[in-house]
Amino acid sequence: MEEIEIANKFEITEVVNRLFIHTDYQEWDKLLTMVFAPEVVFDMSSVGAGEAKTIKAEEICQMWAKGFEGLDGIHH
């Protein structure tokens, strides 16, 4: 395996880990600055949420913040 492929896999793994960690800790600002692009192709079709669509990262964070209100903890 080439070094570039290993580096890319590592970078992808790091971003995915950050996604789950910052979501679990409800660190929305970190998601916006360290994980998401300004607009994201958001696909929740596998859980019945309709077709994939491009939305602003801020909208995702607002939606998740509201959905996680009142929960003592989140763990991925």
N, C-alpha and C. Protein backbone atom coordinates (compact mmCIF):
# COMPACT_ATOMS: atom_id res chain seq x y z
N MET A 1 0.85 -1.18 0.00
CA MET A 1 0.00 0.00 0.00
C MET A 1 0.89 1.24 0.00
N GLU A 2 0.53 2.20 -0.78
CA GLU A 2 1.33 3.41 -0.88
C GLU A 2 1.14 4.29 0.35
N GLU A 3 2.17 5.11 0.64
CA GLU A 3 2.10 6.00 1.80
C GLU A 3 0.95 6.98 1.70
N ILE A 4 0.65 7.46 0.50
CA ILE A 4 -0.43 8.43 0.32
C ILE A 4 -1.77 7.80 0.68
N GLU A 5 -1.98 6.55 0.34
CA GLU A 5 -3.22 5.87 0.68
C GLU A 5 -3.36 5.72 2.19
N ILE A 6 -2.28 5.38 2.85
CA ILE A 6 -2.31 5.24 4.31
C ILE A 6 -2.61 6.59 4.96
N ALA A 7 -1.98 7.64 4.46
CA ALA A 7 -2.22 8.98 5.00
C ALA A 7 -3.67 9.38 4.81
N ASN A 8 -4.23 9.12 3.64
CA ASN A 8 -5.62 9.46 3.39
C ASN A 8 -6.56 8.69 4.31
N LYS A 9 -6.30 7.42 4.52
CA LYS A 9 -7.14 6.62 5.42
C LYS A 9 -7.05 7.15 6.84
N PHE A 10 -5.86 7.54 7.26
CA PHE A 10 -5.68 8.09 8.60
C PHE A 10 -6.46 9.39 8.75
N GLU A 11 -6.36 10.27 7.76
CA GLU A 11 -7.06 11.56 7.82
C GLU A 11 -8.58 11.35 7.85
N ILE A 12 -9.08 10.43 7.05
CA ILE A 12 -10.52 10.14 7.03
C ILE A 12 -10.96 9.60 8.39
N THR A 13 -10.18 8.68 8.94
CA THR A 13 -10.50 8.11 10.25
C THR A 13 -10.53 9.20 11.32
N GLU A 14 -9.58 10.12 11.27
CA GLU A 14 -9.54 11.22 12.24
C GLU A 14 -10.78 12.11 12.14
N VAL A 15 -11.21 12.43 10.95
CA VAL A 15 -12.40 13.28 10.77
C VAL A 15 -13.64 12.56 11.28
N VAL A 16 -13.77 11.29 10.98
CA VAL A 16 -14.93 10.52 11.45
C VAL A 16 -14.92 10.43 12.97
N ASN A 17 -13.76 10.19 13.56
CA ASN A 17 -13.66 10.16 15.02
C ASN A 17 -14.06 11.50 15.63
N ARG A 18 -13.59 12.59 15.03
CA ARG A 18 -13.96 13.92 15.53
C ARG A 18 -15.47 14.14 15.42
N LEU A 19 -16.06 13.68 14.32
CA LEU A 19 -17.51 13.82 14.15
C LEU A 19 -18.24 13.21 15.34
N PHE A 20 -17.90 11.98 15.68
CA PHE A 20 -18.60 11.30 16.77
C PHE A 20 -18.25 11.88 18.14
N ILE A 21 -16.99 12.20 18.38
CA ILE A 21 -16.59 12.74 19.68
C ILE A 21 -17.25 14.09 19.92
N HIS A 22 -17.17 14.99 18.95
CA HIS A 22 -17.75 16.33 19.15
C HIS A 22 -19.27 16.27 19.21
N THR A 23 -19.88 15.33 18.51
CA THR A 23 -21.33 15.16 18.62
C THR A 23 -21.69 14.64 20.01
N ASP A 24 -20.97 13.62 20.47
CA ASP A 24 -21.25 13.06 21.80
C ASP A 24 -21.13 14.10 22.90
N TYR A 25 -20.16 15.00 22.77
CA TYR A 25 -19.96 16.05 23.78
C TYR A 25 -20.71 17.34 23.45
N GLN A 26 -21.49 17.28 22.39
CA GLN A 26 -22.30 18.41 21.94
C GLN A 26 -21.45 19.68 21.75
N GLU A 27 -20.32 19.50 21.13
CA GLU A 27 -19.39 20.59 20.84
C GLU A 27 -19.64 21.09 19.41
N TRP A 28 -20.71 21.83 19.26
CA TRP A 28 -21.18 22.23 17.94
C TRP A 28 -20.19 23.14 17.22
N ASP A 29 -19.54 24.03 17.96
CA ASP A 29 -18.55 24.92 17.33
C ASP A 29 -17.38 24.12 16.75
N LYS A 30 -16.96 23.08 17.47
CA LYS A 30 -15.87 22.25 16.96
C LYS A 30 -16.30 21.47 15.72
N LEU A 31 -17.55 21.02 15.69
CA LEU A 31 -18.04 20.35 14.48
C LEU A 31 -17.97 21.30 13.29
N LEU A 32 -18.35 22.54 13.52
CA LEU A 32 -18.36 23.52 12.44
C LEU A 32 -16.96 23.89 11.96
N THR A 33 -15.99 23.90 12.87
CA THR A 33 -14.65 24.33 12.48
C THR A 33 -13.69 23.18 12.16
N MET A 34 -13.94 22.00 12.72
CA MET A 34 -12.97 20.90 12.58
C MET A 34 -13.47 19.72 11.75
N VAL A 35 -14.77 19.69 11.47
CA VAL A 35 -15.32 18.50 10.81
C VAL A 35 -16.05 18.85 9.52
N PHE A 36 -17.06 19.69 9.63
CA PHE A 36 -17.94 19.95 8.50
C PHE A 36 -17.39 21.01 7.55
N ALA A 37 -17.74 20.85 6.28
CA ALA A 37 -17.59 21.93 5.31
C ALA A 37 -18.79 22.86 5.53
N PRO A 38 -18.77 24.08 4.98
CA PRO A 38 -19.92 24.98 5.19
C PRO A 38 -21.25 24.37 4.75
N GLU A 39 -21.24 23.60 3.68
CA GLU A 39 -22.43 22.88 3.23
C GLU A 39 -22.09 21.40 3.17
N VAL A 40 -23.07 20.58 3.53
CA VAL A 40 -22.86 19.15 3.65
C VAL A 40 -23.97 18.41 2.90
N VAL A 41 -23.60 17.35 2.18
CA VAL A 41 -24.61 16.46 1.61
C VAL A 41 -25.04 15.57 2.76
N PHE A 42 -26.25 15.79 3.23
CA PHE A 42 -26.78 15.13 4.43
C PHE A 42 -27.72 14.02 4.00
N ASP A 43 -27.35 12.78 4.29
CA ASP A 43 -28.12 11.62 3.83
C ASP A 43 -28.53 10.76 5.01
N MET A 44 -29.78 10.88 5.39
CA MET A 44 -30.33 10.05 6.45
C MET A 44 -31.43 9.14 5.89
N SER A 45 -31.34 8.88 4.59
CA SER A 45 -32.36 8.07 3.92
C SER A 45 -32.44 6.66 4.49
N SER A 46 -31.34 6.14 5.03
CA SER A 46 -31.34 4.79 5.57
C SER A 46 -32.21 4.66 6.82
N VAL A 47 -32.55 5.80 7.45
CA VAL A 47 -33.42 5.76 8.63
C VAL A 47 -34.78 6.39 8.32
N GLY A 48 -35.10 6.48 7.04
CA GLY A 48 -36.42 6.95 6.63
C GLY A 48 -36.60 8.45 6.60
N ALA A 49 -35.51 9.20 6.50
CA ALA A 49 -35.62 10.66 6.55
C ALA A 49 -35.69 11.30 5.17
N GLY A 50 -36.05 10.55 4.16
CA GLY A 50 -36.17 11.12 2.82
C GLY A 50 -34.85 11.13 2.08
N GLU A 51 -34.86 11.78 0.94
CA GLU A 51 -33.70 11.82 0.06
C GLU A 51 -32.56 12.65 0.67
N ALA A 52 -31.36 12.35 0.23
CA ALA A 52 -30.20 13.15 0.61
C ALA A 52 -30.37 14.56 0.08
N LYS A 53 -29.86 15.53 0.84
CA LYS A 53 -29.94 16.92 0.39
C LYS A 53 -28.73 17.68 0.90
N THR A 54 -28.39 18.75 0.22
CA THR A 54 -27.29 19.61 0.64
C THR A 54 -27.86 20.68 1.56
N ILE A 55 -27.30 20.75 2.77
CA ILE A 55 -27.75 21.75 3.74
C ILE A 55 -26.52 22.38 4.41
N LYS A 56 -26.74 23.50 5.06
CA LYS A 56 -25.66 24.19 5.76
C LYS A 56 -25.29 23.41 7.03
N ALA A 57 -24.01 23.39 7.33
CA ALA A 57 -23.53 22.70 8.52
C ALA A 57 -24.19 23.25 9.79
N GLU A 58 -24.43 24.56 9.81
CA GLU A 58 -25.09 25.16 10.98
C GLU A 58 -26.47 24.54 11.21
N GLU A 59 -27.17 24.23 10.13
CA GLU A 59 -28.50 23.62 10.26
C GLU A 59 -28.41 22.24 10.89
N ILE A 60 -27.40 21.48 10.51
CA ILE A 60 -27.22 20.15 11.10
C ILE A 60 -26.97 20.28 12.59
N CYS A 61 -26.07 21.17 12.97
CA CYS A 61 -25.77 21.36 14.39
C CYS A 61 -26.98 21.83 15.17
N GLN A 62 -27.76 22.74 14.61
CA GLN A 62 -28.98 23.20 15.28
C GLN A 62 -29.98 22.06 15.45
N MET A 63 -30.12 21.25 14.40
CA MET A 63 -31.05 20.13 14.43
C MET A 63 -30.61 19.12 15.49
N TRP A 64 -29.35 18.79 15.51
CA TRP A 64 -28.84 17.83 16.49
C TRP A 64 -28.93 18.39 17.90
N ALA A 65 -28.59 19.66 18.09
CA ALA A 65 -28.66 20.27 19.42
C ALA A 65 -30.09 20.18 19.96
N LYS A 66 -31.05 20.47 19.12
CA LYS A 66 -32.44 20.39 19.55
C LYS A 66 -32.84 18.93 19.83
N GLY A 67 -32.41 18.02 18.97
CA GLY A 67 -32.75 16.61 19.14
C GLY A 67 -32.12 15.97 20.37
N PHE A 68 -30.97 16.49 20.79
CA PHE A 68 -30.26 15.93 21.94
C PHE A 68 -30.59 16.64 23.25
N GLU A 69 -31.44 17.67 23.19
CA GLU A 69 -31.81 18.38 24.42
C GLU A 69 -32.38 17.41 25.45
N GLY A 70 -31.95 17.57 26.68
CA GLY A 70 -32.49 16.76 27.76
C GLY A 70 -31.85 15.39 27.91
N LEU A 71 -30.96 15.02 27.00
CA LEU A 71 -30.28 13.73 27.14
C LEU A 71 -29.08 13.89 28.06
N ASP A 72 -28.91 12.95 28.95
CA ASP A 72 -27.75 13.00 29.86
C ASP A 72 -26.46 12.66 29.13
N GLY A 73 -26.52 11.84 28.11
CA GLY A 73 -25.32 11.47 27.40
C GLY A 73 -25.63 10.90 26.03
N ILE A 74 -24.65 11.00 25.17
CA ILE A 74 -24.73 10.44 23.83
C ILE A 74 -23.44 9.65 23.66
N HIS A 75 -23.53 8.47 23.06
CA HIS A 75 -22.33 7.67 22.87
C HIS A 75 -22.40 6.94 21.54
N HIS A 76 -21.42 7.19 20.70
CA HIS A 76 -21.32 6.49 19.43
C HIS A 76 -20.31 5.37 19.54
